[in-house]
């Protein structure tokens, strides 16, 4: 349990610094950054599999059609999350991105209730309802649905759900996801090169190295997250995730000076109150894991 908490906290801290990394690649289109992130992740993860002498085990995994399908689904969710986030950061929406990861802990609780049979206590349910009110308020006050935040929250929430219930360990699971990614990503990058539109090797050496390094900075927190997610409850996982959006929100406001309107601040405040309520409830019930909900029949 303690090791799982350390793994998950380390993953969220790494993700909290991600705006700094993607901002340095703002001259590169989001889709190209995503393709490099996918392709180089396989290179790095494949190296880890080889070093650990697990290539034979991994090749056996590829023969299981059901497992491949499950991880293809998680890879799709992860790809959506990555693309939306990279685009949002480089389009100066770091604060709204942080909102998505503030909402995600409560999404985790709801998913745990709906799909894992976890029982939601009264005040946890109230916190979920209050966060929903905050999202609705933001939508009405700003005249637009906060789609960036919702896309990030639900794509990563479902990704965490699949990875928690999937059969493979963290390394083999990520390796399988990157195998799914690699073909489309490599094909797109080759097409960019033939069209003379590729950034890799054609812009500064800094950009080239950052694109190549995307695999390392992507794989490390994902491995930590996958390891942690399998060892701790979804509710604890959600609690730890506050590390990530708090860092992102601070970067968006203090470093990148993104504007915060009064209406947006009120919406954030409602969601923060919901998270504070959820945190207090979780603290008071620490050491008392949620029991599976009763089922009929």
C-alpha atoms as a PDB file:
ATOM      1  CA  UNK A   1       0.000   0.000   0.000  1.00  0.00           C
ATOM      2  CA  UNK A   2       2.757   2.456   0.963  1.00  0.00           C
ATOM      3  CA  UNK A   3       4.761   1.606  -2.138  1.00  0.00           C
ATOM      4  CA  UNK A   4       1.676   2.113  -4.292  1.00  0.00           C
ATOM      5  CA  UNK A   5       1.145   5.565  -2.775  1.00  0.00           C
ATOM      6  CA  UNK A   6       4.746   6.545  -3.495  1.00  0.00           C
ATOM      7  CA  UNK A   7       4.487   5.340  -7.104  1.00  0.00           C
ATOM      8  CA  UNK A   8       1.237   7.207  -7.730  1.00  0.00           C
ATOM      9  CA  UNK A   9       2.441  10.407  -6.033  1.00  0.00           C
ATOM     10  CA  UNK A  10       5.636  10.340  -8.119  1.00  0.00           C
ATOM     11  CA  UNK A  11       3.605   9.949 -11.315  1.00  0.00           C
ATOM     12  CA  UNK A  12       1.359  12.891 -10.480  1.00  0.00           C
ATOM     13  CA  UNK A  13       4.331  15.106  -9.623  1.00  0.00           C
ATOM     14  CA  UNK A  14       5.921  14.320 -12.982  1.00  0.00           C
ATOM     15  CA  UNK A  15       2.676  15.174 -14.785  1.00  0.00           C
ATOM     16  CA  UNK A  16       2.459  18.414 -12.853  1.00  0.00           C
ATOM     17  CA  UNK A  17       5.634  19.607 -14.572  1.00  0.00           C
ATOM     18  CA  UNK A  18       4.488  18.590 -18.069  1.00  0.00           C
ATOM     19  CA  UNK A  19       3.367  22.097 -19.151  1.00  0.00           C
ATOM     20  CA  UNK A  20       7.014  23.185 -18.924  1.00  0.00           C
ATOM     21  CA  UNK A  21       8.047  20.423 -21.332  1.00  0.00           C
ATOM     22  CA  UNK A  22       5.300  20.839 -23.928  1.00  0.00           C
ATOM     23  CA  UNK A  23       5.622  24.634 -23.923  1.00  0.00           C
ATOM     24  CA  UNK A  24       9.209  24.216 -25.133  1.00  0.00           C
ATOM     25  CA  UNK A  25       7.738  22.428 -28.174  1.00  0.00           C
ATOM     26  CA  UNK A  26       5.120  25.097 -28.952  1.00  0.00           C
ATOM     27  CA  UNK A  27       6.581  25.553 -32.453  1.00  0.00           C
ATOM     28  CA  UNK A  28       5.578  21.965 -33.337  1.00  0.00           C
ATOM     29  CA  UNK A  29       1.918  21.034 -34.121  1.00  0.00           C
ATOM     30  CA  UNK A  30       0.198  19.056 -31.379  1.00  0.00           C
ATOM     31  CA  UNK A  31      -0.467  16.043 -33.633  1.00  0.00           C
ATOM     32  CA  UNK A  32       3.214  15.769 -34.555  1.00  0.00           C
ATOM     33  CA  UNK A  33       4.231  15.996 -30.903  1.00  0.00           C
ATOM     34  CA  UNK A  34       1.702  13.258 -30.122  1.00  0.00           C
ATOM     35  CA  UNK A  35       3.116  11.003 -32.854  1.00  0.00           C
ATOM     36  CA  UNK A  36       6.660  11.426 -31.533  1.00  0.00           C
ATOM     37  CA  UNK A  37       5.429  10.783 -28.013  1.00  0.00           C
ATOM     38  CA  UNK A  38       3.859   7.524 -29.142  1.00  0.00           C
ATOM     39  CA  UNK A  39       6.764   6.335 -31.298  1.00  0.00           C
ATOM     40  CA  UNK A  40       9.588   7.136 -28.878  1.00  0.00           C
ATOM     41  CA  UNK A  41       7.640   5.618 -25.993  1.00  0.00           C
ATOM     42  CA  UNK A  42       7.844   2.232 -27.703  1.00  0.00           C
ATOM     43  CA  UNK A  43      11.603   2.644 -28.213  1.00  0.00           C
ATOM     44  CA  UNK A  44      12.134   3.368 -24.513  1.00  0.00           C
ATOM     45  CA  UNK A  45       9.714   0.759 -23.180  1.00  0.00           C
ATOM     46  CA  UNK A  46      11.001  -1.854 -25.654  1.00  0.00           C
ATOM     47  CA  UNK A  47      14.501  -1.228 -24.350  1.00  0.00           C
ATOM     48  CA  UNK A  48      13.297  -1.849 -20.781  1.00  0.00           C
ATOM     49  CA  UNK A  49      11.635  -5.116 -21.829  1.00  0.00           C
ATOM     50  CA  UNK A  50      14.844  -6.303 -23.515  1.00  0.00           C
ATOM     51  CA  UNK A  51      17.061  -5.311 -20.577  1.00  0.00           C
ATOM     52  CA  UNK A  52      14.817  -7.233 -18.187  1.00  0.00           C
ATOM     53  CA  UNK A  53      14.910 -10.292 -20.448  1.00  0.00           C
ATOM     54  CA  UNK A  54      11.128 -10.356 -20.859  1.00  0.00           C
ATOM     55  CA  UNK A  55      10.820 -10.231 -24.643  1.00  0.00           C
ATOM     56  CA  UNK A  56       9.635 -13.846 -24.836  1.00  0.00           C
ATOM     57  CA  UNK A  57       6.943 -13.238 -22.216  1.00  0.00           C
ATOM     58  CA  UNK A  58       5.794 -10.130 -24.038  1.00  0.00           C
ATOM     59  CA  UNK A  59       5.545 -11.917 -27.385  1.00  0.00           C
ATOM     60  CA  UNK A  60       3.279 -14.490 -25.724  1.00  0.00           C
ATOM     61  CA  UNK A  61       1.015 -11.651 -24.574  1.00  0.00           C
ATOM     62  CA  UNK A  62       0.560 -10.551 -28.205  1.00  0.00           C
ATOM     63  CA  UNK A  63      -1.045 -13.935 -28.989  1.00  0.00           C
ATOM     64  CA  UNK A  64      -3.949 -13.260 -26.613  1.00  0.00           C
ATOM     65  CA  UNK A  65      -6.564 -11.476 -28.720  1.00  0.00           C
ATOM     66  CA  UNK A  66      -8.714 -10.411 -25.761  1.00  0.00           C
ATOM     67  CA  UNK A  67      -5.754  -8.843 -23.953  1.00  0.00           C
ATOM     68  CA  UNK A  68      -4.680  -6.994 -27.093  1.00  0.00           C
ATOM     69  CA  UNK A  69      -8.207  -5.642 -27.536  1.00  0.00           C
ATOM     70  CA  UNK A  70      -8.377  -4.429 -23.944  1.00  0.00           C
ATOM     71  CA  UNK A  71      -5.065  -2.601 -24.212  1.00  0.00           C
ATOM     72  CA  UNK A  72      -5.962  -1.209 -27.623  1.00  0.00           C
ATOM     73  CA  UNK A  73      -8.940   0.408 -25.886  1.00  0.00           C
ATOM     74  CA  UNK A  74      -6.754   1.827 -23.112  1.00  0.00           C
ATOM     75  CA  UNK A  75      -4.280   3.049 -25.754  1.00  0.00           C
ATOM     76  CA  UNK A  76      -7.084   4.883 -27.572  1.00  0.00           C
ATOM     77  CA  UNK A  77      -8.165   6.600 -24.355  1.00  0.00           C
ATOM     78  CA  UNK A  78      -4.572   7.516 -23.586  1.00  0.00           C
ATOM     79  CA  UNK A  79      -4.032   8.909 -27.081  1.00  0.00           C
ATOM     80  CA  UNK A  80      -7.120  11.121 -26.762  1.00  0.00           C
ATOM     81  CA  UNK A  81      -5.929  12.367 -23.383  1.00  0.00           C
ATOM     82  CA  UNK A  82      -2.423  13.112 -24.677  1.00  0.00           C
ATOM     83  CA  UNK A  83      -3.597  14.985 -27.749  1.00  0.00           C
ATOM     84  CA  UNK A  84      -6.131  17.157 -25.923  1.00  0.00           C
ATOM     85  CA  UNK A  85      -3.593  17.998 -23.235  1.00  0.00           C
ATOM     86  CA  UNK A  86      -0.722  18.867 -25.589  1.00  0.00           C
ATOM     87  CA  UNK A  87      -3.014  21.019 -27.712  1.00  0.00           C
ATOM     88  CA  UNK A  88      -4.494  22.751 -24.663  1.00  0.00           C
ATOM     89  CA  UNK A  89      -1.129  23.588 -23.102  1.00  0.00           C
ATOM     90  CA  UNK A  90       0.291  25.082 -26.287  1.00  0.00           C
ATOM     91  CA  UNK A  91      -2.978  26.957 -26.940  1.00  0.00           C
ATOM     92  CA  UNK A  92      -2.629  28.641 -23.521  1.00  0.00           C
ATOM     93  CA  UNK A  93      -5.295  26.616 -21.707  1.00  0.00           C
ATOM     94  CA  UNK A  94      -3.134  25.290 -18.867  1.00  0.00           C
ATOM     95  CA  UNK A  95      -5.624  26.487 -16.236  1.00  0.00           C
ATOM     96  CA  UNK A  96      -8.579  24.749 -17.910  1.00  0.00           C
ATOM     97  CA  UNK A  97      -6.433  21.630 -18.273  1.00  0.00           C
ATOM     98  CA  UNK A  98      -5.816  21.725 -14.543  1.00  0.00           C
ATOM     99  CA  UNK A  99      -9.587  21.835 -14.020  1.00  0.00           C
ATOM    100  CA  UNK A 100      -9.855  18.495 -15.814  1.00  0.00           C
ATOM    101  CA  UNK A 101      -7.441  16.911 -13.388  1.00  0.00           C
ATOM    102  CA  UNK A 102      -9.166  18.547 -10.413  1.00  0.00           C
ATOM    103  CA  UNK A 103     -12.409  16.903 -11.546  1.00  0.00           C
ATOM    104  CA  UNK A 104     -10.782  13.543 -12.257  1.00  0.00           C
ATOM    105  CA  UNK A 105     -10.552  12.330  -8.620  1.00  0.00           C
ATOM    106  CA  UNK A 106     -14.324  12.562  -8.320  1.00  0.00           C
ATOM    107  CA  UNK A 107     -14.708  10.889 -11.715  1.00  0.00           C
ATOM    108  CA  UNK A 108     -12.589   8.043 -10.304  1.00  0.00           C
ATOM    109  CA  UNK A 109     -14.958   7.707  -7.357  1.00  0.00           C
ATOM    110  CA  UNK A 110     -17.976   7.603  -9.664  1.00  0.00           C
ATOM    111  CA  UNK A 111     -16.339   5.019 -11.939  1.00  0.00           C
ATOM    112  CA  UNK A 112     -15.353   2.910  -8.954  1.00  0.00           C
ATOM    113  CA  UNK A 113     -18.990   2.929  -7.872  1.00  0.00           C
ATOM    114  CA  UNK A 114     -20.429   2.173 -11.313  1.00  0.00           C
ATOM    115  CA  UNK A 115     -17.954  -0.432 -12.574  1.00  0.00           C
ATOM    116  CA  UNK A 116     -16.140  -1.883  -9.543  1.00  0.00           C
ATOM    117  CA  UNK A 117     -19.024  -2.076  -7.122  1.00  0.00           C
ATOM    118  CA  UNK A 118     -17.371   0.304  -4.642  1.00  0.00           C
ATOM    119  CA  UNK A 119     -19.805   1.819  -2.173  1.00  0.00           C
ATOM    120  CA  UNK A 120     -19.934   5.615  -2.164  1.00  0.00           C
ATOM    121  CA  UNK A 121     -20.484   7.110   1.256  1.00  0.00           C
ATOM    122  CA  UNK A 122     -22.955   9.943   1.730  1.00  0.00           C
ATOM    123  CA  UNK A 123     -20.472  12.800   1.805  1.00  0.00           C
ATOM    124  CA  UNK A 124     -18.567  11.413  -1.144  1.00  0.00           C
ATOM    125  CA  UNK A 125     -21.804  11.476  -3.109  1.00  0.00           C
ATOM    126  CA  UNK A 126     -22.416  15.056  -1.992  1.00  0.00           C
ATOM    127  CA  UNK A 127     -18.904  15.998  -3.146  1.00  0.00           C
ATOM    128  CA  UNK A 128     -19.541  14.473  -6.580  1.00  0.00           C
ATOM    129  CA  UNK A 129     -22.822  16.367  -6.823  1.00  0.00           C
ATOM    130  CA  UNK A 130     -21.175  19.635  -5.789  1.00  0.00           C
ATOM    131  CA  UNK A 131     -18.440  19.221  -8.394  1.00  0.00           C
ATOM    132  CA  UNK A 132     -21.121  18.603 -11.010  1.00  0.00           C
ATOM    133  CA  UNK A 133     -22.779  21.865  -9.967  1.00  0.00           C
ATOM    134  CA  UNK A 134     -19.428  23.612 -10.409  1.00  0.00           C
ATOM    135  CA  UNK A 135     -19.052  22.283 -13.960  1.00  0.00           C
ATOM    136  CA  UNK A 136     -22.630  23.279 -14.823  1.00  0.00           C
ATOM    137  CA  UNK A 137     -22.042  26.756 -13.377  1.00  0.00           C
ATOM    138  CA  UNK A 138     -18.912  27.208 -15.467  1.00  0.00           C
ATOM    139  CA  UNK A 139     -20.783  26.116 -18.579  1.00  0.00           C
ATOM    140  CA  UNK A 140     -23.639  28.580 -17.973  1.00  0.00           C
ATOM    141  CA  UNK A 141     -21.518  31.500 -16.732  1.00  0.00           C
ATOM    142  CA  UNK A 142     -18.935  31.253 -19.518  1.00  0.00           C
ATOM    143  CA  UNK A 143     -21.444  30.267 -22.181  1.00  0.00           C
ATOM    144  CA  UNK A 144     -19.433  27.246 -23.251  1.00  0.00           C
ATOM    145  CA  UNK A 145     -18.985  23.705 -21.979  1.00  0.00           C
ATOM    146  CA  UNK A 146     -15.493  23.241 -20.448  1.00  0.00           C
ATOM    147  CA  UNK A 147     -14.825  20.467 -22.953  1.00  0.00           C
ATOM    148  CA  UNK A 148     -11.056  20.427 -22.432  1.00  0.00           C
ATOM    149  CA  UNK A 149     -11.476  19.718 -18.730  1.00  0.00           C
ATOM    150  CA  UNK A 150     -14.194  17.120 -19.267  1.00  0.00           C
ATOM    151  CA  UNK A 151     -12.297  15.339 -22.052  1.00  0.00           C
ATOM    152  CA  UNK A 152      -9.169  15.091 -19.899  1.00  0.00           C
ATOM    153  CA  UNK A 153     -11.051  13.993 -16.784  1.00  0.00           C
ATOM    154  CA  UNK A 154     -13.115  11.237 -18.386  1.00  0.00           C
ATOM    155  CA  UNK A 155     -10.481   9.918 -20.801  1.00  0.00           C
ATOM    156  CA  UNK A 156      -7.970   9.474 -18.000  1.00  0.00           C
ATOM    157  CA  UNK A 157     -10.604   8.238 -15.568  1.00  0.00           C
ATOM    158  CA  UNK A 158     -11.599   5.405 -17.904  1.00  0.00           C
ATOM    159  CA  UNK A 159      -7.933   4.743 -18.678  1.00  0.00           C
ATOM    160  CA  UNK A 160      -7.197   4.319 -14.967  1.00  0.00           C
ATOM    161  CA  UNK A 161     -10.208   2.036 -14.607  1.00  0.00           C
ATOM    162  CA  UNK A 162      -9.026  -0.256 -17.415  1.00  0.00           C
ATOM    163  CA  UNK A 163      -5.445  -0.348 -16.141  1.00  0.00           C
ATOM    164  CA  UNK A 164      -6.593  -1.160 -12.609  1.00  0.00           C
ATOM    165  CA  UNK A 165      -8.618  -4.153 -13.775  1.00  0.00           C
ATOM    166  CA  UNK A 166      -6.362  -5.340 -16.624  1.00  0.00           C
ATOM    167  CA  UNK A 167      -4.289  -8.505 -16.303  1.00  0.00           C
ATOM    168  CA  UNK A 168      -0.779  -7.373 -17.278  1.00  0.00           C
ATOM    169  CA  UNK A 169       1.830  -5.736 -15.071  1.00  0.00           C
ATOM    170  CA  UNK A 170       2.696  -2.079 -15.615  1.00  0.00           C
ATOM    171  CA  UNK A 171       5.645  -2.606 -17.989  1.00  0.00           C
ATOM    172  CA  UNK A 172       4.007  -5.203 -20.245  1.00  0.00           C
ATOM    173  CA  UNK A 173       0.779  -3.218 -20.286  1.00  0.00           C
ATOM    174  CA  UNK A 174       2.519  -0.022 -21.371  1.00  0.00           C
ATOM    175  CA  UNK A 175       4.593  -1.957 -23.902  1.00  0.00           C
ATOM    176  CA  UNK A 176       1.416  -3.348 -25.458  1.00  0.00           C
ATOM    177  CA  UNK A 177      -0.154   0.120 -25.572  1.00  0.00           C
ATOM    178  CA  UNK A 178       2.899   1.556 -27.291  1.00  0.00           C
ATOM    179  CA  UNK A 179       2.879  -1.284 -29.832  1.00  0.00           C
ATOM    180  CA  UNK A 180      -0.693  -0.275 -30.695  1.00  0.00           C
ATOM    181  CA  UNK A 181       0.448   3.349 -31.002  1.00  0.00           C
ATOM    182  CA  UNK A 182       3.574   2.753 -33.028  1.00  0.00           C
ATOM    183  CA  UNK A 183       2.237   1.872 -36.477  1.00  0.00           C
ATOM    184  CA  UNK A 184      -0.032   4.914 -36.941  1.00  0.00           C
ATOM    185  CA  UNK A 185       2.486   7.233 -35.260  1.00  0.00           C
ATOM    186  CA  UNK A 186       5.460   6.086 -37.348  1.00  0.00           C
ATOM    187  CA  UNK A 187       3.390   6.213 -40.534  1.00  0.00           C
ATOM    188  CA  UNK A 188       2.301   9.784 -39.839  1.00  0.00           C
ATOM    189  CA  UNK A 189       5.854  10.897 -39.055  1.00  0.00           C
ATOM    190  CA  UNK A 190       7.159   9.342 -42.287  1.00  0.00           C
ATOM    191  CA  UNK A 191       4.398  11.112 -44.225  1.00  0.00           C
ATOM    192  CA  UNK A 192       5.386  14.448 -42.664  1.00  0.00           C
ATOM    193  CA  UNK A 193       8.990  13.814 -43.692  1.00  0.00           C
ATOM    194  CA  UNK A 194       8.050  13.092 -47.304  1.00  0.00           C
ATOM    195  CA  UNK A 195       5.939  16.263 -47.382  1.00  0.00           C
ATOM    196  CA  UNK A 196       8.757  18.393 -46.008  1.00  0.00           C
ATOM    197  CA  UNK A 197       6.680  19.319 -42.949  1.00  0.00           C
ATOM    198  CA  UNK A 198       8.546  17.413 -40.240  1.00  0.00           C
ATOM    199  CA  UNK A 199      10.031  19.296 -37.302  1.00  0.00           C
ATOM    200  CA  UNK A 200      12.366  16.481 -36.208  1.00  0.00           C
ATOM    201  CA  UNK A 201      15.856  17.196 -37.529  1.00  0.00           C
ATOM    202  CA  UNK A 202      14.670  20.309 -39.353  1.00  0.00           C
ATOM    203  CA  UNK A 203      14.197  22.763 -36.507  1.00  0.00           C
ATOM    204  CA  UNK A 204      16.701  23.436 -33.712  1.00  0.00           C
ATOM    205  CA  UNK A 205      18.638  20.639 -32.014  1.00  0.00           C
ATOM    206  CA  UNK A 206      16.742  21.499 -28.839  1.00  0.00           C
ATOM    207  CA  UNK A 207      13.418  20.714 -30.500  1.00  0.00           C
ATOM    208  CA  UNK A 208      14.784  17.479 -31.983  1.00  0.00           C
ATOM    209  CA  UNK A 209      16.112  16.281 -28.628  1.00  0.00           C
ATOM    210  CA  UNK A 210      12.902  17.226 -26.833  1.00  0.00           C
ATOM    211  CA  UNK A 211      10.826  15.275 -29.360  1.00  0.00           C
ATOM    212  CA  UNK A 212      13.065  12.222 -28.931  1.00  0.00           C
ATOM    213  CA  UNK A 213      12.948  12.614 -25.152  1.00  0.00           C
ATOM    214  CA  UNK A 214       9.141  12.600 -25.195  1.00  0.00           C
ATOM    215  CA  UNK A 215       9.214   8.816 -24.926  1.00  0.00           C
ATOM    216  CA  UNK A 216      11.200   8.848 -21.695  1.00  0.00           C
ATOM    217  CA  UNK A 217       9.196  11.607 -19.991  1.00  0.00           C
ATOM    218  CA  UNK A 218       6.006   9.834 -21.059  1.00  0.00           C
ATOM    219  CA  UNK A 219       6.901   6.294 -20.033  1.00  0.00           C
ATOM    220  CA  UNK A 220       8.341   6.958 -16.576  1.00  0.00           C
ATOM    221  CA  UNK A 221       5.219   8.493 -14.949  1.00  0.00           C
ATOM    222  CA  UNK A 222       2.959   6.018 -16.779  1.00  0.00           C
ATOM    223  CA  UNK A 223       4.914   3.097 -15.347  1.00  0.00           C
ATOM    224  CA  UNK A 224       4.736   4.656 -11.894  1.00  0.00           C
ATOM    225  CA  UNK A 225       1.009   5.299 -12.280  1.00  0.00           C
ATOM    226  CA  UNK A 226       0.222   1.809 -13.536  1.00  0.00           C
ATOM    227  CA  UNK A 227       2.149   0.258 -10.649  1.00  0.00           C
ATOM    228  CA  UNK A 228       0.456   2.480  -8.100  1.00  0.00           C
ATOM    229  CA  UNK A 229      -3.039   2.050  -9.561  1.00  0.00           C
ATOM    230  CA  UNK A 230      -2.882  -1.714  -9.104  1.00  0.00           C
ATOM    231  CA  UNK A 231      -1.873  -1.456  -5.430  1.00  0.00           C
ATOM    232  CA  UNK A 232      -4.226   1.170  -4.006  1.00  0.00           C
ATOM    233  CA  UNK A 233      -8.007   1.823  -4.144  1.00  0.00           C
ATOM    234  CA  UNK A 234      -9.464   4.145  -6.792  1.00  0.00           C
ATOM    235  CA  UNK A 235     -10.461   6.575  -4.040  1.00  0.00           C
ATOM    236  CA  UNK A 236      -6.890   6.853  -2.736  1.00  0.00           C
ATOM    237  CA  UNK A 237      -5.662   7.236  -6.295  1.00  0.00           C
ATOM    238  CA  UNK A 238      -8.073  10.114  -6.767  1.00  0.00           C
ATOM    239  CA  UNK A 239      -6.922  11.792  -3.562  1.00  0.00           C
ATOM    240  CA  UNK A 240      -3.271  11.757  -4.642  1.00  0.00           C
ATOM    241  CA  UNK A 241      -4.101  13.278  -8.002  1.00  0.00           C
ATOM    242  CA  UNK A 242      -4.506  16.729  -6.443  1.00  0.00           C
ATOM    243  CA  UNK A 243      -0.718  17.025  -6.752  1.00  0.00           C
ATOM    244  CA  UNK A 244      -0.915  17.239 -10.541  1.00  0.00           C
ATOM    245  CA  UNK A 245      -3.643  19.899 -11.065  1.00  0.00           C
ATOM    246  CA  UNK A 246      -2.370  22.056  -8.234  1.00  0.00           C
ATOM    247  CA  UNK A 247       1.021  22.265  -9.916  1.00  0.00           C
ATOM    248  CA  UNK A 248      -0.564  22.881 -13.318  1.00  0.00           C
ATOM    249  CA  UNK A 249      -2.890  25.586 -12.019  1.00  0.00           C
ATOM    250  CA  UNK A 250       0.035  27.334 -10.313  1.00  0.00           C
ATOM    251  CA  UNK A 251       2.087  27.244 -13.512  1.00  0.00           C
ATOM    252  CA  UNK A 252      -0.815  28.560 -15.591  1.00  0.00           C
ATOM    253  CA  UNK A 253      -1.507  31.498 -13.287  1.00  0.00           C
ATOM    254  CA  UNK A 254       1.917  32.395 -11.915  1.00  0.00           C
ATOM    255  CA  UNK A 255       4.259  31.515 -14.789  1.00  0.00           C
ATOM    256  CA  UNK A 256       2.128  31.789 -17.927  1.00  0.00           C
ATOM    257  CA  UNK A 257      -0.190  34.533 -16.599  1.00  0.00           C
ATOM    258  CA  UNK A 258      -3.379  33.026 -18.006  1.00  0.00           C
ATOM    259  CA  UNK A 259      -6.402  35.219 -17.146  1.00  0.00           C
ATOM    260  CA  UNK A 260      -8.832  34.068 -14.445  1.00  0.00           C
ATOM    261  CA  UNK A 261     -12.243  35.734 -14.712  1.00  0.00           C
ATOM    262  CA  UNK A 262     -14.523  36.134 -11.719  1.00  0.00           C
ATOM    263  CA  UNK A 263     -16.988  33.588 -13.110  1.00  0.00           C
ATOM    264  CA  UNK A 264     -14.238  31.044 -13.707  1.00  0.00           C
ATOM    265  CA  UNK A 265     -12.859  31.587 -10.217  1.00  0.00           C
ATOM    266  CA  UNK A 266     -16.292  30.977  -8.683  1.00  0.00           C
ATOM    267  CA  UNK A 267     -16.648  27.751 -10.667  1.00  0.00           C
ATOM    268  CA  UNK A 268     -13.202  26.601  -9.560  1.00  0.00           C
ATOM    269  CA  UNK A 269     -14.054  27.509  -5.955  1.00  0.00           C
ATOM    270  CA  UNK A 270     -17.180  25.299  -6.021  1.00  0.00           C
ATOM    271  CA  UNK A 271     -15.107  22.383  -7.300  1.00  0.00           C
ATOM    272  CA  UNK A 272     -12.349  23.036  -4.758  1.00  0.00           C
ATOM    273  CA  UNK A 273     -14.959  22.966  -1.971  1.00  0.00           C
ATOM    274  CA  UNK A 274     -16.163  19.635  -3.322  1.00  0.00           C
ATOM    275  CA  UNK A 275     -12.609  18.298  -3.302  1.00  0.00           C
ATOM    276  CA  UNK A 276     -12.000  19.604   0.224  1.00  0.00           C
ATOM    277  CA  UNK A 277     -15.191  17.881   1.372  1.00  0.00           C
ATOM    278  CA  UNK A 278     -14.131  14.658  -0.307  1.00  0.00           C
ATOM    279  CA  UNK A 279     -10.628  14.880   1.179  1.00  0.00           C
ATOM    280  CA  UNK A 280     -11.951  15.465   4.692  1.00  0.00           C
ATOM    281  CA  UNK A 281     -14.387  12.580   4.363  1.00  0.00           C
ATOM    282  CA  UNK A 282     -11.627  10.280   3.092  1.00  0.00           C
ATOM    283  CA  UNK A 283      -9.336  11.331   5.963  1.00  0.00           C
ATOM    284  CA  UNK A 284     -11.986  10.685   8.595  1.00  0.00           C
ATOM    285  CA  UNK A 285     -12.610   7.227   7.135  1.00  0.00           C
ATOM    286  CA  UNK A 286      -8.951   6.370   6.518  1.00  0.00           C
ATOM    287  CA  UNK A 287      -8.199   2.708   7.018  1.00  0.00           C
ATOM    288  CA  UNK A 288     -11.810   1.836   6.225  1.00  0.00           C
ATOM    289  CA  UNK A 289     -11.857   0.659   2.583  1.00  0.00           C
ATOM    290  CA  UNK A 290     -15.103   0.912   0.700  1.00  0.00           C
ATOM    291  CA  UNK A 291     -17.013  -2.352   0.609  1.00  0.00           C
ATOM    292  CA  UNK A 292     -18.499  -3.611  -2.634  1.00  0.00           C
ATOM    293  CA  UNK A 293     -22.077  -2.538  -3.070  1.00  0.00           C
ATOM    294  CA  UNK A 294     -24.685  -5.211  -2.512  1.00  0.00           C
ATOM    295  CA  UNK A 295     -26.108  -6.828  -5.636  1.00  0.00           C
ATOM    296  CA  UNK A 296     -29.482  -8.386  -6.277  1.00  0.00           C
ATOM    297  CA  UNK A 297     -29.672 -12.133  -6.788  1.00  0.00           C
END
